[in-house]
Amino acid sequence: MYDAGKVAGFKHRWTFDDMYTAMAVQGLDKNGDNVYSRDELAELAQVNIDGLKDFDFFTYARIKETPVKLAPPKDYWLEHKDGVLSLNFTLPIAEPVPADTQGFEFAVYDQTFFIAFDLAKENPIRLSEGAPAGCSAVVGNADKDLADLQKLNDAFGGQMTAGNANEGAGLGYASTVHLSCAKT
């Protein structure tokens, strides 16, 4: 998300698999109409958001090596469509970053490598309407070379946070989004 020439946050849409969905919606269709309304899913959305706090919402942004602090989520809700749940939420950046800042990137992953995240196959990242002209988002592998990945694999059975304890094993397999805008 962009606002006034700055990267202001991220709008997430996480779609869960059908197995989690089937378990999570049990007993939530209060009126028995076989439709899970936003209201019927509100309590579960709150439970999801509350639980994700402990994991930094699995969203890690940085400028080069410096972490970017995120603010608490807002505008969150669950949607049930085509047999699966999708959690939608906005995750603001505590201090928005000028769009032309070099080295700005983020990734969504589980540091412990327990939960798998896949980007959508088509249009996984979209820049908001407020993005300055000349901005782009490029999805690539994390900035780890093959030797680092091999070390992580070798250490997998031991300490899950080999290397940088703030990144964990999951970053080695995450798709990192590199944001860039032309210098103004």
Protein backbone atom coordinates (compact mmCIF):
# COMPACT_ATOMS: atom_id res chain seq x y z
CA MET A 1 0.00 0.00 0.00
CA TYR A 2 1.24 3.47 -0.88
CA ASP A 3 0.17 6.79 0.56
CA ALA A 4 1.61 10.25 -0.13
CA GLY A 5 4.66 8.81 -1.91
CA LYS A 6 5.47 6.32 0.84
CA VAL A 7 5.07 2.59 1.36
CA ALA A 8 2.41 2.59 4.07
CA GLY A 9 1.70 -1.12 4.64
CA PHE A 10 0.52 -4.41 3.23
CA LYS A 11 -2.94 -5.74 2.43
CA HIS A 12 -2.90 -9.48 2.93
CA ARG A 13 -5.31 -12.10 1.66
CA TRP A 14 -4.40 -15.54 2.96
CA THR A 15 -6.42 -18.46 1.63
CA PHE A 16 -6.34 -21.56 3.81
CA ASP A 17 -6.53 -25.11 2.53
CA ASP A 18 -9.78 -27.07 2.53
CA MET A 19 -8.74 -29.26 5.50
CA TYR A 20 -8.15 -26.29 7.81
CA THR A 21 -11.32 -24.65 6.51
CA ALA A 22 -13.46 -27.71 7.26
CA MET A 23 -12.15 -27.87 10.82
CA ALA A 24 -12.30 -24.12 11.47
CA VAL A 25 -15.91 -23.50 10.37
CA GLN A 26 -17.46 -26.34 12.37
CA GLY A 27 -20.39 -24.95 14.34
CA LEU A 28 -20.11 -21.41 12.94
CA ASP A 29 -23.16 -21.48 10.64
CA LYS A 30 -25.44 -20.09 13.35
CA ASN A 31 -28.55 -19.74 11.16
CA GLY A 32 -28.14 -23.08 9.35
CA ASP A 33 -28.25 -21.60 5.84
CA ASN A 34 -24.98 -23.29 4.72
CA VAL A 35 -23.46 -19.85 4.16
CA TYR A 36 -20.77 -18.45 6.44
CA SER A 37 -21.40 -14.73 6.69
CA ARG A 38 -18.79 -12.20 7.68
CA ASP A 39 -20.66 -11.78 10.97
CA GLU A 40 -20.63 -15.54 11.66
CA LEU A 41 -16.87 -15.60 10.97
CA ALA A 42 -16.02 -12.45 12.98
CA GLU A 43 -15.08 -14.27 16.19
CA LEU A 44 -12.82 -16.69 14.27
CA ALA A 45 -11.19 -13.74 12.47
CA GLN A 46 -10.42 -12.18 15.86
CA VAL A 47 -8.96 -15.48 17.11
CA ASN A 48 -6.76 -15.65 14.00
CA ILE A 49 -5.53 -12.07 14.38
CA ASP A 50 -4.89 -12.50 18.11
CA GLY A 51 -2.92 -15.70 17.47
CA LEU A 52 -0.84 -14.15 14.70
CA LYS A 53 0.45 -11.37 16.98
CA ASP A 54 2.91 -13.80 18.58
CA PHE A 55 4.33 -14.56 15.13
CA ASP A 56 4.60 -10.97 13.84
CA PHE A 57 1.85 -11.86 11.36
CA PHE A 58 4.54 -13.87 9.52
CA THR A 59 5.39 -10.63 7.71
CA TYR A 60 8.97 -9.37 7.75
CA ALA A 61 10.00 -6.15 6.06
CA ARG A 62 13.46 -4.62 5.95
CA ILE A 63 15.57 -1.99 4.32
CA LYS A 64 18.78 -3.78 3.47
CA GLU A 65 19.53 -5.47 6.81
CA THR A 66 17.46 -3.15 9.02
CA PRO A 67 14.03 -4.47 10.09
CA VAL A 68 11.01 -2.25 9.41
CA LYS A 69 8.58 -2.05 12.32
CA LEU A 70 4.96 -2.89 11.57
CA ALA A 71 1.90 -1.51 13.35
CA PRO A 72 -1.03 -3.63 14.60
CA PRO A 73 -3.38 -4.96 11.90
CA LYS A 74 -6.65 -3.32 11.00
CA ASP A 75 -9.60 -3.97 8.71
CA TYR A 76 -9.55 -7.74 9.17
CA TRP A 77 -12.22 -10.26 8.30
CA LEU A 78 -12.70 -13.83 7.09
CA GLU A 79 -14.48 -14.82 3.92
CA HIS A 80 -15.76 -18.29 3.02
CA LYS A 81 -15.94 -18.84 -0.72
CA ASP A 82 -15.60 -21.90 -2.94
CA GLY A 83 -15.15 -24.14 0.09
CA VAL A 84 -12.16 -22.32 1.60
CA LEU A 85 -11.56 -19.55 4.10
CA SER A 86 -9.56 -16.44 3.30
CA LEU A 87 -8.25 -14.09 5.98
CA ASN A 88 -8.06 -10.49 4.80
CA PHE A 89 -6.20 -7.85 6.80
CA THR A 90 -4.22 -4.66 6.50
CA LEU A 91 -0.81 -4.52 8.18
CA PRO A 92 0.42 -0.91 8.34
CA ILE A 93 4.06 0.09 8.57
CA ALA A 94 4.66 1.97 11.85
CA GLU A 95 6.63 4.70 10.08
CA PRO A 96 5.87 4.67 6.33
CA VAL A 97 8.95 4.35 4.11
CA PRO A 98 9.66 6.75 1.22
CA ALA A 99 8.83 4.87 -1.99
CA ASP A 100 12.26 5.50 -3.52
CA THR A 101 14.14 3.97 -0.58
CA GLN A 102 16.70 1.53 -1.96
CA GLY A 103 16.81 -2.03 -0.59
CA PHE A 104 13.21 -2.22 0.67
CA GLU A 105 11.90 -5.79 0.68
CA PHE A 106 9.53 -8.02 2.55
CA ALA A 107 8.65 -11.68 2.84
CA VAL A 108 5.82 -13.68 4.37
CA TYR A 109 7.05 -16.89 5.97
CA ASP A 110 7.18 -18.95 9.13
CA GLN A 111 10.57 -18.65 10.85
CA THR A 112 10.25 -22.20 12.20
CA PHE A 113 9.34 -23.68 8.81
CA PHE A 114 6.16 -25.23 10.28
CA ILE A 115 3.60 -23.37 8.17
CA ALA A 116 3.98 -23.20 4.39
CA PHE A 117 3.11 -20.02 2.52
CA ASP A 118 2.69 -19.96 -1.25
CA LEU A 119 2.13 -16.84 -3.29
CA ALA A 120 -0.78 -16.80 -5.71
CA LYS A 121 0.26 -18.21 -9.08
CA GLU A 122 -1.14 -15.22 -10.96
CA ASN A 123 -0.61 -11.63 -9.84
CA PRO A 124 0.81 -12.51 -6.42
CA ILE A 125 1.73 -8.88 -5.66
CA ARG A 126 -0.10 -5.74 -6.67
CA LEU A 127 0.92 -2.19 -5.95
CA SER A 128 -1.90 0.03 -4.69
CA GLU A 129 -3.28 2.91 -6.71
CA GLY A 130 -1.18 5.37 -4.71
CA ALA A 131 2.11 3.91 -5.98
CA PRO A 132 4.27 6.55 -7.64
CA ALA A 133 5.01 6.14 -11.36
CA GLY A 134 7.99 3.90 -11.99
CA CYS A 135 7.47 1.64 -8.97
CA SER A 136 7.67 -2.12 -9.25
CA ALA A 137 7.54 -5.26 -7.15
CA VAL A 138 9.76 -8.18 -8.12
CA VAL A 139 9.32 -11.58 -6.51
CA GLY A 140 12.49 -13.61 -6.04
CA ASN A 141 14.15 -16.01 -3.69
CA ALA A 142 15.56 -14.75 -0.44
CA ASP A 143 19.03 -13.28 -0.62
CA LYS A 144 20.61 -16.54 0.48
CA ASP A 145 23.00 -18.40 -1.75
CA LEU A 146 22.96 -22.15 -2.23
CA ALA A 147 25.67 -22.68 0.37
CA ASP A 148 23.50 -20.96 2.99
CA LEU A 149 20.52 -23.12 2.02
CA GLN A 150 22.64 -26.26 2.32
CA LYS A 151 23.76 -25.17 5.80
CA LEU A 152 20.12 -24.67 6.77
CA ASN A 153 19.23 -28.12 5.46
CA ASP A 154 22.14 -29.66 7.37
CA ALA A 155 21.05 -27.92 10.57
CA PHE A 156 17.34 -28.64 10.09
CA GLY A 157 17.27 -31.45 12.64
CA GLY A 158 19.03 -29.28 15.20
CA GLN A 159 18.50 -25.61 15.76
CA MET A 160 15.69 -24.29 13.55
CA THR A 161 17.00 -20.75 13.67
CA ALA A 162 20.45 -21.43 12.23
CA GLY A 163 22.24 -18.27 11.20
CA ASN A 164 20.31 -15.10 11.94
CA ALA A 165 17.95 -15.91 14.82
CA ASN A 166 15.58 -13.19 13.59
CA GLU A 167 15.06 -14.94 10.27
CA GLY A 168 14.96 -18.64 11.07
CA ALA A 169 15.00 -21.53 8.63
CA GLY A 170 11.86 -20.39 6.84
CA LEU A 171 13.50 -17.41 5.12
CA GLY A 172 15.74 -19.70 3.10
CA TYR A 173 12.65 -20.99 1.32
CA ALA A 174 10.55 -17.82 1.25
CA SER A 175 9.83 -15.70 -1.77
CA THR A 176 11.04 -12.20 -1.05
CA VAL A 177 9.34 -9.22 -2.66
CA HIS A 178 11.74 -6.45 -3.66
CA LEU A 179 10.06 -3.05 -4.00
CA SER A 180 11.68 -0.28 -5.97
CA CYS A 181 10.77 3.12 -7.34
CA ALA A 182 12.79 5.51 -9.40
CA LYS A 183 14.63 8.10 -7.30
CA THR A 184 12.78 11.40 -7.26
